[in-house]
N, C-alpha and C. Protein backbone atom coordinates (compact mmCIF):
# COMPACT_ATOMS: atom_id res chain seq x y z
N MET A 1 26.83 155.35 215.69
CA MET A 1 25.82 154.64 214.47
C MET A 1 26.02 155.52 213.61
N SER A 2 25.98 154.97 212.23
CA SER A 2 26.15 155.64 210.93
C SER A 2 24.65 155.99 210.63
N PRO A 3 24.51 157.20 209.71
CA PRO A 3 23.26 157.46 209.30
C PRO A 3 22.53 156.61 208.34
N SER A 4 21.30 156.53 208.38
CA SER A 4 20.58 155.72 207.48
C SER A 4 20.36 156.55 206.01
N VAL A 5 20.70 156.00 204.98
CA VAL A 5 20.99 156.54 203.66
C VAL A 5 20.23 155.60 202.62
N ASN A 6 19.12 156.21 202.05
CA ASN A 6 18.45 155.51 200.95
C ASN A 6 18.90 156.53 199.76
N MET A 7 19.48 155.73 198.50
CA MET A 7 19.62 156.38 197.23
C MET A 7 19.21 155.76 196.21
N ARG A 8 18.86 156.43 195.16
CA ARG A 8 18.22 155.61 194.04
C ARG A 8 18.83 156.59 192.62
N SER A 9 19.47 156.03 191.67
CA SER A 9 20.01 156.67 190.58
C SER A 9 19.26 156.10 189.28
N ASP A 10 19.21 157.12 188.38
CA ASP A 10 18.63 156.85 186.99
C ASP A 10 19.19 157.50 186.07
N THR A 11 19.03 157.24 184.85
CA THR A 11 19.49 157.92 183.80
C THR A 11 18.31 158.43 182.77
N ALA A 12 18.07 159.53 182.98
CA ALA A 12 16.75 160.40 182.35
C ALA A 12 17.03 160.51 180.82
N TYR A 13 15.98 160.00 180.15
CA TYR A 13 15.97 160.23 178.70
C TYR A 13 15.80 161.73 178.46
N THR A 14 15.02 162.46 178.93
CA THR A 14 14.97 163.77 178.33
C THR A 14 16.25 164.59 178.67
N LEU A 15 16.92 164.52 179.91
CA LEU A 15 18.29 165.52 180.26
C LEU A 15 19.31 164.72 179.22
N ASN A 16 19.30 163.45 179.14
CA ASN A 16 20.42 162.90 178.21
C ASN A 16 20.27 163.22 176.48
N PHE A 17 18.80 163.45 176.28
CA PHE A 17 18.61 163.82 174.97
C PHE A 17 19.00 165.38 174.61
N LEU A 18 18.74 166.12 175.62
CA LEU A 18 19.20 167.44 175.69
C LEU A 18 20.65 167.60 175.47
N VAL A 19 21.56 166.88 176.32
CA VAL A 19 22.87 166.61 176.21
C VAL A 19 23.26 166.28 174.74
N TYR A 20 22.64 165.22 174.23
CA TYR A 20 22.83 164.65 173.04
C TYR A 20 22.83 165.96 171.77
N ILE A 21 21.78 166.68 171.90
CA ILE A 21 21.39 167.83 171.09
C ILE A 21 22.72 168.85 171.42
N GLN A 22 22.82 169.01 172.43
CA GLN A 22 24.09 170.34 172.76
C GLN A 22 25.21 169.83 172.21
N ASN A 23 25.71 168.47 172.25
CA ASN A 23 26.89 168.02 171.79
C ASN A 23 27.01 168.16 170.33
N LEU A 24 25.73 167.80 169.58
CA LEU A 24 25.65 168.09 168.18
C LEU A 24 26.09 169.53 167.73
N TYR A 25 25.44 170.30 168.75
CA TYR A 25 25.55 171.94 168.31
C TYR A 25 26.94 172.32 168.69
N VAL A 26 27.37 171.86 169.77
CA VAL A 26 28.97 172.26 170.14
C VAL A 26 29.96 171.74 168.88
N ASN A 27 29.93 170.46 168.47
CA ASN A 27 30.55 169.98 167.54
C ASN A 27 30.46 170.85 166.03
N GLN A 28 29.28 171.24 165.90
CA GLN A 28 29.10 171.88 164.45
C GLN A 28 29.82 173.44 164.75
N ARG A 29 29.29 174.09 165.71
CA ARG A 29 29.85 175.26 166.03
C ARG A 29 31.32 175.42 166.18
N SER A 30 32.11 174.46 166.89
CA SER A 30 33.63 174.69 167.11
C SER A 30 34.36 174.45 166.08
N GLY A 31 34.12 173.60 165.20
CA GLY A 31 35.21 173.30 164.19
C GLY A 31 36.55 172.79 164.61
N GLN A 32 36.65 172.09 165.83
CA GLN A 32 37.79 171.73 166.60
C GLN A 32 38.31 170.47 165.71
N GLY A 33 39.55 170.07 166.12
CA GLY A 33 40.17 168.60 165.75
C GLY A 33 39.17 167.60 166.43
N GLU A 34 39.30 166.43 165.51
CA GLU A 34 38.66 165.51 165.98
C GLU A 34 38.70 164.90 167.48
N GLU A 35 39.88 165.22 167.93
CA GLU A 35 40.15 164.62 169.30
C GLU A 35 39.20 165.39 170.39
N ARG A 36 38.75 166.50 169.84
CA ARG A 36 37.88 167.62 170.90
C ARG A 36 36.27 167.22 170.40
N TYR A 37 35.84 166.51 169.40
CA TYR A 37 34.57 166.37 169.25
C TYR A 37 34.09 165.49 170.27
N LYS A 38 32.61 165.75 170.55
CA LYS A 38 32.02 164.96 171.60
C LYS A 38 30.92 164.04 170.83
N PHE A 39 30.48 163.03 171.50
CA PHE A 39 29.43 162.15 171.14
C PHE A 39 27.99 162.73 171.10
N PRO A 40 27.22 163.03 170.10
CA PRO A 40 27.59 161.97 168.67
C PRO A 40 27.93 163.20 167.72
N TYR A 41 28.96 162.71 166.70
CA TYR A 41 29.45 163.49 165.86
C TYR A 41 28.78 163.13 164.50
N LEU A 42 28.53 164.27 163.78
CA LEU A 42 27.85 164.09 162.44
C LEU A 42 28.55 164.82 161.34
N SER A 43 29.44 164.07 160.72
CA SER A 43 30.46 164.90 159.52
C SER A 43 29.71 165.29 158.59
N GLY A 44 30.04 166.61 158.18
CA GLY A 44 29.51 167.15 156.81
C GLY A 44 28.09 167.44 156.75
N ARG A 45 27.44 167.41 158.04
CA ARG A 45 25.79 167.69 158.00
C ARG A 45 25.53 168.92 158.84
N GLU A 46 25.03 169.96 158.01
CA GLU A 46 24.51 171.20 158.78
C GLU A 46 23.29 170.99 159.36
N ILE A 47 23.23 171.17 160.65
CA ILE A 47 21.98 171.06 161.34
C ILE A 47 21.43 172.36 161.57
N PRO A 48 20.17 172.51 161.42
CA PRO A 48 19.61 173.96 161.47
C PRO A 48 19.05 174.32 162.83
N PHE A 49 20.17 174.67 163.60
CA PHE A 49 20.00 175.22 164.89
C PHE A 49 19.53 176.70 164.70
N LEU A 50 18.76 177.03 165.67
CA LEU A 50 18.48 178.67 165.97
C LEU A 50 19.77 179.48 166.06
N ALA A 51 19.61 180.64 165.67
CA ALA A 51 20.65 181.48 165.95
C ALA A 51 21.24 181.64 167.44
N GLU A 52 20.02 181.65 168.25
CA GLU A 52 20.06 181.86 169.67
C GLU A 52 19.92 180.66 170.39
N PHE A 53 20.51 179.53 169.91
CA PHE A 53 20.41 178.24 170.37
C PHE A 53 20.98 178.14 171.71
N GLU A 54 21.95 178.74 172.19
CA GLU A 54 22.65 178.55 173.47
C GLU A 54 21.71 179.14 174.59
N ARG A 55 20.97 180.49 174.23
CA ARG A 55 20.42 181.33 175.15
C ARG A 55 18.87 180.30 175.28
N GLU A 56 18.51 179.69 174.29
CA GLU A 56 17.11 179.10 174.25
C GLU A 56 17.38 177.77 174.79
N PHE A 57 18.52 177.05 174.56
CA PHE A 57 18.89 175.88 175.37
C PHE A 57 19.01 175.77 176.79
N ALA A 58 19.55 176.92 177.26
CA ALA A 58 19.39 177.09 178.85
C ALA A 58 18.01 177.11 179.34
N LYS A 59 17.33 177.89 178.49
CA LYS A 59 15.91 178.00 179.09
C LYS A 59 15.32 176.62 179.11
N VAL A 60 15.31 175.81 178.10
CA VAL A 60 14.92 174.40 177.87
C VAL A 60 15.42 173.59 179.08
N TRP A 61 16.81 173.54 179.32
CA TRP A 61 17.34 172.93 180.20
C TRP A 61 16.76 173.29 181.66
N ALA A 62 16.71 174.57 182.02
CA ALA A 62 15.95 175.02 183.22
C ALA A 62 14.75 174.41 183.35
N ASP A 63 13.86 174.44 182.39
CA ASP A 63 12.50 173.88 182.50
C ASP A 63 12.57 172.54 182.72
N VAL A 64 13.44 171.61 182.13
CA VAL A 64 13.30 170.18 182.49
C VAL A 64 14.15 169.74 183.47
N ALA A 65 15.28 170.33 183.86
CA ALA A 65 16.25 169.93 184.82
C ALA A 65 15.45 170.12 186.12
N SER A 66 14.32 169.31 186.54
CA SER A 66 13.79 169.64 188.07
C SER A 66 13.87 168.62 188.89
N PRO A 67 13.32 168.67 190.13
CA PRO A 67 13.07 167.40 190.87
C PRO A 67 12.02 166.68 190.78
N LEU A 68 11.09 167.07 189.66
CA LEU A 68 9.97 166.12 189.25
C LEU A 68 10.49 165.03 188.54
N LEU A 69 11.83 165.21 187.97
CA LEU A 69 12.40 163.97 187.30
C LEU A 69 12.52 162.84 188.39
N ALA A 70 12.72 163.40 189.54
CA ALA A 70 12.97 162.33 190.78
C ALA A 70 11.67 161.83 191.36
N GLU A 71 10.90 162.74 191.49
CA GLU A 71 9.73 162.64 192.41
C GLU A 71 8.63 161.69 191.64
N GLU A 72 8.48 161.78 190.29
CA GLU A 72 7.50 161.04 189.55
C GLU A 72 8.10 160.16 188.62
N PRO A 73 8.16 158.86 189.06
CA PRO A 73 8.92 157.97 188.15
C PRO A 73 8.66 157.90 186.68
N PHE A 74 7.26 158.07 186.10
CA PHE A 74 7.15 158.16 184.70
C PHE A 74 7.13 159.58 184.16
N TYR A 75 7.52 160.56 184.95
CA TYR A 75 7.48 161.81 184.37
C TYR A 75 8.53 161.97 183.29
N ASP A 76 9.48 161.39 183.43
CA ASP A 76 10.82 161.61 182.39
C ASP A 76 10.25 161.15 181.17
N LEU A 77 9.91 159.81 181.03
CA LEU A 77 9.35 159.20 179.99
C LEU A 77 8.39 159.98 179.15
N ASN A 78 7.30 160.48 179.94
CA ASN A 78 6.28 161.20 179.42
C ASN A 78 6.70 162.51 178.96
N LEU A 79 7.38 163.18 179.55
CA LEU A 79 8.17 164.50 179.27
C LEU A 79 8.70 164.42 177.88
N PHE A 80 9.59 163.35 177.73
CA PHE A 80 10.64 163.01 176.49
C PHE A 80 9.61 162.76 175.41
N LYS A 81 8.58 162.11 175.50
CA LYS A 81 7.53 161.74 174.48
C LYS A 81 6.73 162.95 174.27
N SER A 82 6.01 163.61 175.16
CA SER A 82 5.24 164.68 174.91
C SER A 82 5.92 166.02 174.52
N ASN A 83 7.25 166.22 174.61
CA ASN A 83 7.90 167.39 174.36
C ASN A 83 8.76 167.32 173.07
N GLN A 84 8.72 166.28 172.52
CA GLN A 84 9.46 166.18 171.25
C GLN A 84 9.22 167.41 170.26
N GLU A 85 8.16 167.78 170.01
CA GLU A 85 7.79 168.96 169.08
C GLU A 85 8.12 170.09 169.89
N LEU A 86 8.06 170.44 171.15
CA LEU A 86 8.43 171.60 171.80
C LEU A 86 9.99 171.72 171.96
N VAL A 87 10.70 170.74 172.01
CA VAL A 87 12.26 170.77 171.79
C VAL A 87 12.65 171.24 170.28
N TYR A 88 12.00 170.74 169.49
CA TYR A 88 12.30 171.11 168.03
C TYR A 88 11.85 172.66 167.85
N GLU A 89 10.63 173.01 168.30
CA GLU A 89 10.38 174.57 168.13
C GLU A 89 11.23 175.49 168.78
N ARG A 90 11.81 175.09 169.92
CA ARG A 90 12.36 175.99 170.63
C ARG A 90 13.95 176.08 170.35
N LEU A 91 14.38 175.00 169.57
CA LEU A 91 16.04 174.99 169.41
C LEU A 91 16.28 174.99 168.01
N PHE A 92 15.43 174.71 167.13
CA PHE A 92 15.89 174.47 165.53
C PHE A 92 15.16 175.64 164.64
N VAL A 93 15.62 175.66 163.78
CA VAL A 93 14.94 176.69 162.63
C VAL A 93 13.64 176.10 162.15
N GLN A 94 12.51 176.93 162.07
CA GLN A 94 11.43 176.33 161.65
C GLN A 94 11.12 176.33 160.05
N GLU A 95 11.76 175.64 159.45
CA GLU A 95 11.73 175.62 157.83
C GLU A 95 11.21 174.34 157.40
N GLU A 96 10.80 174.13 156.28
CA GLU A 96 10.35 173.10 155.81
C GLU A 96 11.14 171.68 155.90
N ASP A 97 12.34 171.75 155.37
CA ASP A 97 13.36 170.56 155.72
C ASP A 97 13.61 170.38 157.02
N CYS A 98 13.66 171.34 158.01
CA CYS A 98 14.53 171.24 159.19
C CYS A 98 13.68 169.98 160.16
N TYR A 99 12.58 169.91 160.24
CA TYR A 99 11.72 168.98 161.24
C TYR A 99 12.47 167.67 160.68
N ARG A 100 12.51 167.26 159.49
CA ARG A 100 13.01 165.92 159.18
C ARG A 100 14.40 165.76 159.66
N GLN A 101 15.26 166.72 159.77
CA GLN A 101 16.54 166.63 160.11
C GLN A 101 16.49 166.56 161.76
N TYR A 102 15.55 167.29 162.55
CA TYR A 102 15.47 167.11 163.89
C TYR A 102 14.90 165.76 164.14
N PHE A 103 13.76 165.07 163.43
CA PHE A 103 13.39 163.95 163.59
C PHE A 103 14.39 162.91 163.35
N ASP A 104 15.45 162.93 162.43
CA ASP A 104 16.39 162.03 162.27
C ASP A 104 17.36 161.94 163.47
N ILE A 105 17.65 163.22 164.25
CA ILE A 105 18.11 163.25 165.23
C ILE A 105 17.59 162.45 166.55
N TYR A 106 16.26 162.74 166.61
CA TYR A 106 15.52 162.09 167.72
C TYR A 106 15.33 160.67 167.60
N GLN A 107 15.39 160.22 166.27
CA GLN A 107 15.51 158.77 166.09
C GLN A 107 16.87 158.12 166.22
N SER A 108 17.75 158.93 165.87
CA SER A 108 19.26 158.23 166.10
C SER A 108 19.54 158.21 167.62
N PHE A 109 19.04 159.24 168.40
CA PHE A 109 19.27 159.20 170.06
C PHE A 109 18.43 157.95 170.49
N LEU A 110 17.08 157.85 169.99
CA LEU A 110 16.44 156.53 170.56
C LEU A 110 17.03 155.21 170.05
N ALA A 111 17.64 155.23 169.10
CA ALA A 111 18.17 153.85 168.63
C ALA A 111 19.52 153.62 169.46
N TRP A 112 20.19 154.78 169.67
CA TRP A 112 21.45 154.62 170.51
C TRP A 112 20.94 154.25 172.02
N TRP A 113 20.25 155.00 172.44
CA TRP A 113 19.89 155.26 174.03
C TRP A 113 19.24 153.95 174.40
N ASN A 114 18.33 153.26 173.46
CA ASN A 114 17.83 152.08 173.87
C ASN A 114 18.52 150.89 173.43
N SER A 115 19.69 151.00 172.99
CA SER A 115 20.44 149.83 172.69
C SER A 115 21.40 149.58 173.85
N TRP A 116 22.27 148.37 173.53
CA TRP A 116 23.22 147.77 174.61
C TRP A 116 24.09 148.93 174.97
N ALA A 117 24.48 149.77 173.97
CA ALA A 117 25.53 150.89 173.95
C ALA A 117 25.07 152.05 174.65
N GLY A 118 23.65 152.28 174.92
CA GLY A 118 23.28 153.64 175.26
C GLY A 118 23.02 153.58 176.84
N ARG A 119 21.52 153.63 177.19
CA ARG A 119 21.14 153.63 178.48
C ARG A 119 21.68 152.33 179.50
N PHE A 120 21.64 151.22 178.81
CA PHE A 120 21.85 149.93 179.61
C PHE A 120 23.59 150.02 179.95
N ALA A 121 24.05 150.47 179.16
CA ALA A 121 25.74 150.43 179.24
C ALA A 121 26.00 151.42 180.41
N LEU A 122 25.36 152.45 180.37
CA LEU A 122 25.54 153.63 181.25
C LEU A 122 25.11 153.10 182.63
N ASP A 123 23.93 152.53 182.56
CA ASP A 123 23.35 151.97 184.07
C ASP A 123 24.43 150.87 184.49
N GLN A 124 24.75 149.88 183.47
CA GLN A 124 25.39 148.76 184.15
C GLN A 124 26.96 149.22 184.43
N GLY A 125 27.52 150.20 183.71
CA GLY A 125 28.79 150.44 184.01
C GLY A 125 29.14 151.36 185.21
N PHE A 126 27.94 151.81 185.65
CA PHE A 126 27.88 152.82 186.79
C PHE A 126 28.22 152.09 188.23
N ASP A 127 28.91 152.79 189.01
CA ASP A 127 29.35 152.16 190.32
C ASP A 127 28.65 152.64 191.24
N ASN A 128 27.59 152.19 191.61
CA ASN A 128 26.57 152.69 192.62
C ASN A 128 27.10 152.68 193.91
N ARG A 129 28.08 151.71 194.13
CA ARG A 129 28.64 151.49 195.65
C ARG A 129 29.56 152.95 195.83
N LYS A 130 30.12 153.24 194.94
CA LYS A 130 31.07 154.65 194.86
C LYS A 130 30.32 155.75 195.11
N LEU A 131 29.23 155.78 194.49
CA LEU A 131 28.24 156.80 194.56
C LEU A 131 27.56 156.91 195.94
N TYR A 132 27.04 155.64 196.44
CA TYR A 132 26.78 155.42 197.69
C TYR A 132 27.75 155.75 198.97
N ASP A 133 28.94 155.72 198.78
CA ASP A 133 29.85 155.81 199.57
C ASP A 133 30.15 157.38 199.74
N ALA A 134 30.12 158.26 198.44
CA ALA A 134 30.30 159.35 198.46
C ALA A 134 28.86 160.22 199.03
N LEU A 135 27.94 159.73 198.84
CA LEU A 135 26.64 160.17 199.38
C LEU A 135 26.84 160.07 201.05
N MET A 136 27.25 158.97 201.57
CA MET A 136 27.60 158.77 202.97
C MET A 136 28.36 159.76 203.46
N ALA A 137 29.55 159.97 202.81
CA ALA A 137 30.44 160.87 203.09
C ALA A 137 29.83 162.36 203.18
N ALA A 138 29.11 162.63 202.11
CA ALA A 138 28.23 164.09 202.30
C ALA A 138 27.57 163.97 203.54
N VAL A 139 26.72 163.10 203.73
CA VAL A 139 25.80 163.01 204.93
C VAL A 139 26.42 163.32 206.31
N GLN A 140 27.57 162.58 206.17
CA GLN A 140 28.48 162.61 207.49
C GLN A 140 29.01 163.88 207.67
N ALA A 141 29.43 164.75 206.39
CA ALA A 141 30.07 165.84 206.42
C ALA A 141 28.98 167.10 206.99
N THR A 142 27.90 166.88 206.73
CA THR A 142 26.67 167.90 207.04
C THR A 142 26.29 167.37 208.38
N GLY A 143 26.51 166.23 209.19
CA GLY A 143 26.29 165.90 210.15
C GLY A 143 24.54 165.65 210.42
N GLY A 144 24.33 165.38 209.29
CA GLY A 144 22.72 164.90 209.24
C GLY A 144 22.43 163.54 208.93
N GLU A 145 21.13 163.51 208.57
CA GLU A 145 20.58 162.33 208.31
C GLU A 145 19.59 162.44 207.15
N LEU A 146 19.45 161.75 206.28
CA LEU A 146 18.51 161.94 205.21
C LEU A 146 17.13 161.63 205.71
N ARG A 147 16.23 162.50 205.15
CA ARG A 147 14.85 162.57 205.48
C ARG A 147 14.04 161.71 204.54
N LYS A 148 14.58 161.58 203.50
CA LYS A 148 13.99 160.89 202.21
C LYS A 148 15.16 160.47 201.31
N THR A 149 14.57 159.74 200.39
CA THR A 149 15.50 159.17 199.34
C THR A 149 16.29 159.96 198.67
N PHE A 150 17.48 160.09 198.47
CA PHE A 150 18.40 160.89 197.59
C PHE A 150 18.13 160.32 196.35
N GLU A 151 18.02 161.26 195.24
CA GLU A 151 17.87 160.61 193.96
C GLU A 151 18.83 161.23 193.07
N ILE A 152 19.24 160.74 192.08
CA ILE A 152 20.65 161.02 191.21
C ILE A 152 20.35 160.72 189.90
N SER A 153 20.21 161.67 189.00
CA SER A 153 20.05 161.37 187.50
C SER A 153 21.43 161.57 187.05
N ILE A 154 21.83 160.39 186.22
CA ILE A 154 23.18 160.28 185.47
C ILE A 154 22.95 160.83 184.25
N LEU A 155 23.88 161.50 183.77
CA LEU A 155 24.09 162.08 182.27
C LEU A 155 25.17 161.57 181.67
N TYR A 156 25.23 161.05 180.41
CA TYR A 156 26.36 160.30 179.72
C TYR A 156 27.50 161.47 179.31
N ASP A 157 27.23 162.73 179.48
CA ASP A 157 28.27 163.64 179.26
C ASP A 157 27.80 164.86 180.09
N ALA A 158 28.56 165.73 180.18
CA ALA A 158 28.37 167.01 180.91
C ALA A 158 27.41 167.90 180.18
N CYS A 159 26.54 168.67 180.84
CA CYS A 159 25.79 169.76 180.05
C CYS A 159 26.60 171.01 180.49
N THR A 160 26.99 171.62 179.24
CA THR A 160 27.80 172.77 179.31
C THR A 160 26.99 173.97 179.05
N LEU A 161 25.95 174.01 178.60
CA LEU A 161 25.25 175.14 177.93
C LEU A 161 24.09 175.32 178.95
N GLY A 162 23.71 174.52 179.85
CA GLY A 162 22.58 174.77 180.87
C GLY A 162 23.30 175.12 182.25
N ASP A 163 22.56 175.97 182.94
CA ASP A 163 22.90 176.09 184.52
C ASP A 163 22.84 174.88 185.19
N GLU A 164 23.73 174.70 186.27
CA GLU A 164 23.87 173.69 187.24
C GLU A 164 23.09 174.12 188.29
N GLU A 165 22.04 173.65 188.53
CA GLU A 165 21.09 174.00 189.52
C GLU A 165 21.42 173.14 190.81
N VAL A 166 21.01 173.46 191.94
CA VAL A 166 21.19 172.58 193.20
C VAL A 166 19.73 172.30 193.78
N PHE A 167 19.44 171.22 194.01
CA PHE A 167 18.07 170.71 194.40
C PHE A 167 18.18 170.02 195.67
N PRO A 168 17.11 170.16 196.58
CA PRO A 168 17.29 169.39 197.91
C PRO A 168 17.14 167.90 197.37
N TYR A 169 18.06 167.01 197.77
CA TYR A 169 17.66 165.67 197.73
C TYR A 169 17.66 165.28 196.13
N PHE A 170 18.30 165.87 195.43
CA PHE A 170 18.39 165.57 193.87
C PHE A 170 19.49 166.10 193.27
N ALA A 171 20.10 165.30 192.58
CA ALA A 171 21.35 165.81 191.84
C ALA A 171 21.57 165.31 190.48
N ILE A 172 21.91 166.01 189.71
CA ILE A 172 21.99 165.67 188.25
C ILE A 172 23.63 165.82 188.06
N MET A 173 24.13 164.33 187.58
CA MET A 173 25.57 164.41 187.73
C MET A 173 25.99 163.87 186.24
N PRO A 174 27.06 164.29 185.67
CA PRO A 174 27.69 163.81 184.51
C PRO A 174 28.59 162.31 185.03
N TYR A 175 28.35 161.34 184.18
CA TYR A 175 29.10 159.97 184.38
C TYR A 175 30.44 160.23 184.87
N ALA A 176 31.26 161.20 184.18
CA ALA A 176 32.65 161.40 184.49
C ALA A 176 32.97 161.92 185.74
N ASP A 177 31.99 162.87 186.18
CA ASP A 177 32.16 163.14 187.55
C ASP A 177 32.01 162.20 188.56
N CYS A 178 31.17 161.19 188.28
CA CYS A 178 31.03 160.12 189.26
C CYS A 178 32.06 159.23 189.39
N LEU A 179 32.58 159.04 188.30
CA LEU A 179 33.67 157.94 188.09
C LEU A 179 35.07 158.61 188.42
N LEU A 180 35.45 159.77 188.09
CA LEU A 180 36.81 160.47 188.19
C LEU A 180 37.04 161.42 189.21
N LYS A 181 35.88 162.22 189.51
CA LYS A 181 36.15 163.44 190.41
C LYS A 181 35.47 163.37 191.81
N GLU A 182 35.99 162.43 192.59
CA GLU A 182 35.15 162.13 194.16
C GLU A 182 35.18 163.42 194.65
N GLU A 183 35.95 164.31 194.77
CA GLU A 183 35.81 165.40 195.57
C GLU A 183 34.87 166.26 195.02
N VAL A 184 34.54 166.23 193.61
CA VAL A 184 33.52 167.21 193.15
C VAL A 184 32.40 166.57 193.44
N LEU A 185 32.23 165.11 193.20
CA LEU A 185 31.03 164.27 193.56
C LEU A 185 30.52 164.64 195.21
N VAL A 186 31.37 164.77 195.83
CA VAL A 186 31.06 164.53 197.37
C VAL A 186 30.37 166.29 197.59
N ALA A 187 30.99 167.26 196.95
CA ALA A 187 30.87 168.66 196.98
C ALA A 187 29.32 168.80 196.52
N LYS A 188 29.04 168.17 195.32
CA LYS A 188 27.71 168.46 194.72
C LYS A 188 26.73 167.75 195.75
N LEU A 189 26.97 166.68 196.02
CA LEU A 189 25.96 165.88 196.90
C LEU A 189 25.73 166.75 198.28
N LYS A 190 26.81 167.04 198.78
CA LYS A 190 26.83 167.87 200.19
C LYS A 190 25.84 169.07 199.83
N ALA A 191 26.14 169.72 198.70
CA ALA A 191 25.35 170.99 198.51
C ALA A 191 23.92 170.80 198.33
N CYS A 192 23.53 169.48 197.95
CA CYS A 192 22.00 169.11 197.71
C CYS A 192 21.25 168.85 199.08
N LEU A 193 22.24 168.37 199.99
CA LEU A 193 21.93 168.03 201.28
C LEU A 193 21.40 169.53 202.06
N GLN A 194 22.27 170.54 201.68
CA GLN A 194 22.20 171.61 202.69
C GLN A 194 21.02 172.63 202.10
N GLN A 195 20.35 172.20 201.16
CA GLN A 195 19.28 172.98 200.57
C GLN A 195 18.08 172.80 201.45
């Protein structure tokens, strides 16, 4: 008899907003050719990131990337709205014109994320069956059975500046890993089951 598996996937506002900010920072810092830029790319605009942005970003990511995103259905949206100022204070230079630039980034994210091209496209383009099959393979590889629903938060792009934590029954996965890297996907899910 095959194990009983319950799974739920979601696209978190807060984590995806942090990836959005991370990508703006990486694009500004790198100065690489166009083919290397990540979404979003803002040409010719100097965003006032803190000098210690990478260290502070890792701390913010560690604070936000937690199983609470999965355990409380409205936690993510509440966190996203209530921490708008906190993200600004921890990642951006605190000068007169800087908040306006940050607020423009926040509004730009919301306009994209709440459009057909943002969260909806990510949700609809996502292959839950493939993810479910990968989770089944991970469950069978560990010889176990799920004791509760396995929660997966999908990112539109990888978080490269934050640490990848492993949580019991909760995974944070970049969309590309779910689509293109089945062995990586199964390994990550398996690690979450062994916690």
